[in-house]
Amino acid sequence: GAFALQDQRMAQKVLDQKEYIDSLEITLRKTHINRLNVGIELSQKTSGVHLDLINILKRINDHSFSIARAVVGKL
């Protein structure tokens, strides 16, 4: 990855995608809440797992962004 190779170009790609991934996370949450409000049974049964996965993806994005900033030198 960008950190192991100290690849600034790869790290910059991660930095450039931060806002997109953040907006995707918001969209995933909103669509999940909408499915819950509509009463979709499967969404209700798997809600905890779904929200856990969204939280994990958000944390991965945040950690990747921090690592990329270190590689690019924008700390």
N, C-alpha and C. Protein backbone atom coordinates (compact mmCIF):
# COMPACT_ATOMS: atom_id res chain seq x y z
N GLY A 1 0.79 -1.18 0.00
CA GLY A 1 0.00 0.00 0.00
C GLY A 1 0.85 1.26 0.00
N ALA A 2 0.18 2.37 0.06
CA ALA A 2 0.84 3.68 0.00
C ALA A 2 1.83 3.86 1.14
N PHE A 3 1.48 3.38 2.33
CA PHE A 3 2.37 3.56 3.48
C PHE A 3 3.63 2.72 3.34
N ALA A 4 3.46 1.44 3.05
CA ALA A 4 4.61 0.54 2.95
C ALA A 4 5.56 0.98 1.85
N LEU A 5 5.01 1.46 0.75
CA LEU A 5 5.84 1.89 -0.38
C LEU A 5 6.19 3.38 -0.32
N GLN A 6 5.58 4.09 0.63
CA GLN A 6 5.71 5.55 0.68
C GLN A 6 5.36 6.17 -0.68
N ASP A 7 4.30 5.65 -1.26
CA ASP A 7 3.84 6.06 -2.59
C ASP A 7 2.92 7.28 -2.44
N GLN A 8 3.46 8.45 -2.73
CA GLN A 8 2.69 9.68 -2.56
C GLN A 8 1.53 9.78 -3.54
N ARG A 9 1.70 9.26 -4.74
CA ARG A 9 0.62 9.32 -5.72
C ARG A 9 -0.58 8.48 -5.26
N MET A 10 -0.30 7.29 -4.75
CA MET A 10 -1.37 6.43 -4.23
C MET A 10 -2.03 7.08 -3.02
N ALA A 11 -1.23 7.66 -2.16
CA ALA A 11 -1.76 8.33 -0.97
C ALA A 11 -2.64 9.51 -1.37
N GLN A 12 -2.25 10.24 -2.39
CA GLN A 12 -3.05 11.38 -2.84
C GLN A 12 -4.40 10.92 -3.36
N LYS A 13 -4.45 9.77 -4.00
CA LYS A 13 -5.74 9.22 -4.47
C LYS A 13 -6.67 8.97 -3.29
N VAL A 14 -6.12 8.46 -2.19
CA VAL A 14 -6.92 8.24 -0.99
C VAL A 14 -7.45 9.58 -0.47
N LEU A 15 -6.58 10.58 -0.42
CA LEU A 15 -7.00 11.91 0.06
C LEU A 15 -8.10 12.48 -0.82
N ASP A 16 -7.95 12.30 -2.13
CA ASP A 16 -8.92 12.85 -3.07
C ASP A 16 -10.30 12.19 -2.96
N GLN A 17 -10.35 10.97 -2.47
CA GLN A 17 -11.62 10.25 -2.38
C GLN A 17 -12.31 10.38 -1.03
N LYS A 18 -11.72 11.07 -0.09
CA LYS A 18 -12.26 11.18 1.27
C LYS A 18 -13.69 11.71 1.27
N GLU A 19 -13.93 12.82 0.59
CA GLU A 19 -15.27 13.42 0.60
C GLU A 19 -16.30 12.48 -0.04
N TYR A 20 -15.91 11.81 -1.11
CA TYR A 20 -16.82 10.87 -1.78
C TYR A 20 -17.21 9.74 -0.82
N ILE A 21 -16.23 9.17 -0.13
CA ILE A 21 -16.50 8.07 0.79
C ILE A 21 -17.36 8.56 1.96
N ASP A 22 -17.08 9.78 2.44
CA ASP A 22 -17.90 10.35 3.52
C ASP A 22 -19.35 10.50 3.07
N SER A 23 -19.56 10.98 1.85
CA SER A 23 -20.93 11.16 1.36
C SER A 23 -21.60 9.80 1.12
N LEU A 24 -20.83 8.82 0.70
CA LEU A 24 -21.36 7.47 0.52
C LEU A 24 -21.85 6.91 1.85
N GLU A 25 -21.08 7.14 2.90
CA GLU A 25 -21.47 6.68 4.24
C GLU A 25 -22.81 7.29 4.66
N ILE A 26 -22.97 8.57 4.42
CA ILE A 26 -24.23 9.26 4.76
C ILE A 26 -25.38 8.67 3.94
N THR A 27 -25.15 8.44 2.66
CA THR A 27 -26.17 7.86 1.80
C THR A 27 -26.57 6.47 2.27
N LEU A 28 -25.58 5.65 2.64
CA LEU A 28 -25.88 4.30 3.14
C LEU A 28 -26.74 4.36 4.39
N ARG A 29 -26.41 5.28 5.29
CA ARG A 29 -27.21 5.43 6.52
C ARG A 29 -28.64 5.86 6.21
N LYS A 30 -28.77 6.86 5.35
CA LYS A 30 -30.11 7.37 5.01
C LYS A 30 -30.97 6.31 4.34
N THR A 31 -30.40 5.59 3.40
CA THR A 31 -31.19 4.57 2.72
C THR A 31 -31.57 3.44 3.67
N HIS A 32 -30.68 3.13 4.59
CA HIS A 32 -31.01 2.09 5.58
C HIS A 32 -32.16 2.56 6.48
N ILE A 33 -32.08 3.80 6.96
CA ILE A 33 -33.14 4.35 7.80
C ILE A 33 -34.46 4.38 7.03
N ASN A 34 -34.40 4.75 5.76
CA ASN A 34 -35.62 4.75 4.94
C ASN A 34 -36.23 3.36 4.85
N ARG A 35 -35.39 2.33 4.67
CA ARG A 35 -35.91 0.96 4.62
C ARG A 35 -36.54 0.57 5.95
N LEU A 36 -35.93 1.01 7.05
CA LEU A 36 -36.51 0.73 8.37
C LEU A 36 -37.86 1.42 8.52
N ASN A 37 -37.94 2.68 8.09
CA ASN A 37 -39.19 3.44 8.20
C ASN A 37 -40.31 2.83 7.37
N VAL A 38 -39.96 2.25 6.23
CA VAL A 38 -40.94 1.61 5.36
C VAL A 38 -41.41 0.30 5.98
N GLY A 39 -40.58 -0.27 6.83
CA GLY A 39 -40.96 -1.50 7.51
C GLY A 39 -40.47 -2.77 6.85
N ILE A 40 -39.41 -2.67 6.08
CA ILE A 40 -38.86 -3.86 5.42
C ILE A 40 -38.31 -4.79 6.49
N GLU A 41 -38.90 -5.97 6.58
CA GLU A 41 -38.60 -6.90 7.67
C GLU A 41 -37.12 -7.31 7.70
N LEU A 42 -36.56 -7.62 6.55
CA LEU A 42 -35.17 -8.05 6.51
C LEU A 42 -34.23 -6.94 7.00
N SER A 43 -34.54 -5.70 6.63
CA SER A 43 -33.72 -4.58 7.11
C SER A 43 -33.82 -4.44 8.63
N GLN A 44 -35.01 -4.70 9.16
CA GLN A 44 -35.18 -4.63 10.61
C GLN A 44 -34.38 -5.72 11.31
N LYS A 45 -34.38 -6.91 10.73
CA LYS A 45 -33.67 -8.04 11.34
C LYS A 45 -32.16 -7.88 11.28
N THR A 46 -31.67 -7.21 10.26
CA THR A 46 -30.22 -7.10 10.06
C THR A 46 -29.69 -5.70 10.34
N SER A 47 -30.49 -4.86 10.94
CA SER A 47 -30.12 -3.46 11.14
C SER A 47 -28.81 -3.30 11.90
N GLY A 48 -28.64 -4.04 12.98
CA GLY A 48 -27.42 -3.92 13.77
C GLY A 48 -26.18 -4.25 12.97
N VAL A 49 -26.25 -5.32 12.20
CA VAL A 49 -25.11 -5.72 11.37
C VAL A 49 -24.85 -4.66 10.30
N HIS A 50 -25.91 -4.18 9.69
CA HIS A 50 -25.77 -3.18 8.63
C HIS A 50 -25.09 -1.91 9.17
N LEU A 51 -25.56 -1.43 10.30
CA LEU A 51 -24.97 -0.22 10.88
C LEU A 51 -23.54 -0.46 11.36
N ASP A 52 -23.27 -1.65 11.89
CA ASP A 52 -21.89 -1.99 12.27
C ASP A 52 -20.97 -1.94 11.06
N LEU A 53 -21.41 -2.49 9.94
CA LEU A 53 -20.59 -2.47 8.73
C LEU A 53 -20.33 -1.05 8.24
N ILE A 54 -21.35 -0.22 8.28
CA ILE A 54 -21.17 1.18 7.88
C ILE A 54 -20.15 1.86 8.80
N ASN A 55 -20.26 1.62 10.10
CA ASN A 55 -19.30 2.20 11.05
C ASN A 55 -17.88 1.70 10.79
N ILE A 56 -17.74 0.43 10.49
CA ILE A 56 -16.41 -0.13 10.20
C ILE A 56 -15.83 0.50 8.94
N LEU A 57 -16.65 0.63 7.90
CA LEU A 57 -16.18 1.26 6.67
C LEU A 57 -15.77 2.71 6.92
N LYS A 58 -16.51 3.41 7.76
CA LYS A 58 -16.16 4.79 8.09
C LYS A 58 -14.81 4.84 8.80
N ARG A 59 -14.59 3.94 9.73
CA ARG A 59 -13.32 3.91 10.46
C ARG A 59 -12.15 3.58 9.54
N ILE A 60 -12.37 2.63 8.62
CA ILE A 60 -11.33 2.30 7.64
C ILE A 60 -11.00 3.53 6.81
N ASN A 61 -12.03 4.24 6.37
CA ASN A 61 -11.82 5.45 5.58
C ASN A 61 -11.04 6.50 6.39
N ASP A 62 -11.42 6.70 7.63
CA ASP A 62 -10.73 7.69 8.47
C ASP A 62 -9.27 7.31 8.70
N HIS A 63 -9.02 6.04 8.99
CA HIS A 63 -7.64 5.59 9.21
C HIS A 63 -6.82 5.68 7.92
N SER A 64 -7.42 5.30 6.81
CA SER A 64 -6.72 5.39 5.52
C SER A 64 -6.36 6.83 5.20
N PHE A 65 -7.27 7.74 5.50
CA PHE A 65 -7.03 9.16 5.27
C PHE A 65 -5.86 9.65 6.13
N SER A 66 -5.84 9.25 7.39
CA SER A 66 -4.75 9.66 8.29
C SER A 66 -3.40 9.13 7.81
N ILE A 67 -3.38 7.89 7.38
CA ILE A 67 -2.14 7.30 6.87
C ILE A 67 -1.70 8.02 5.60
N ALA A 68 -2.65 8.28 4.71
CA ALA A 68 -2.33 8.96 3.46
C ALA A 68 -1.78 10.36 3.72
N ARG A 69 -2.36 11.06 4.69
CA ARG A 69 -1.84 12.39 5.04
C ARG A 69 -0.40 12.31 5.51
N ALA A 70 -0.08 11.28 6.28
CA ALA A 70 1.29 11.11 6.77
C ALA A 70 2.25 10.85 5.61
N VAL A 71 1.82 10.05 4.65
CA VAL A 71 2.67 9.73 3.50
C VAL A 71 2.90 10.97 2.65
N VAL A 72 1.85 11.75 2.43
CA VAL A 72 1.96 12.94 1.60
C VAL A 72 2.64 14.08 2.35
N GLY A 73 2.65 13.98 3.67
CA GLY A 73 3.31 15.01 4.47
C GLY A 73 2.41 16.15 4.86
N LYS A 74 1.11 15.90 4.97
CA LYS A 74 0.14 16.95 5.30
C LYS A 74 -0.37 16.82 6.72
N LEU A 75 0.49 16.45 7.64
CA LEU A 75 0.04 16.30 9.04
C LEU A 75 -0.06 17.63 9.73
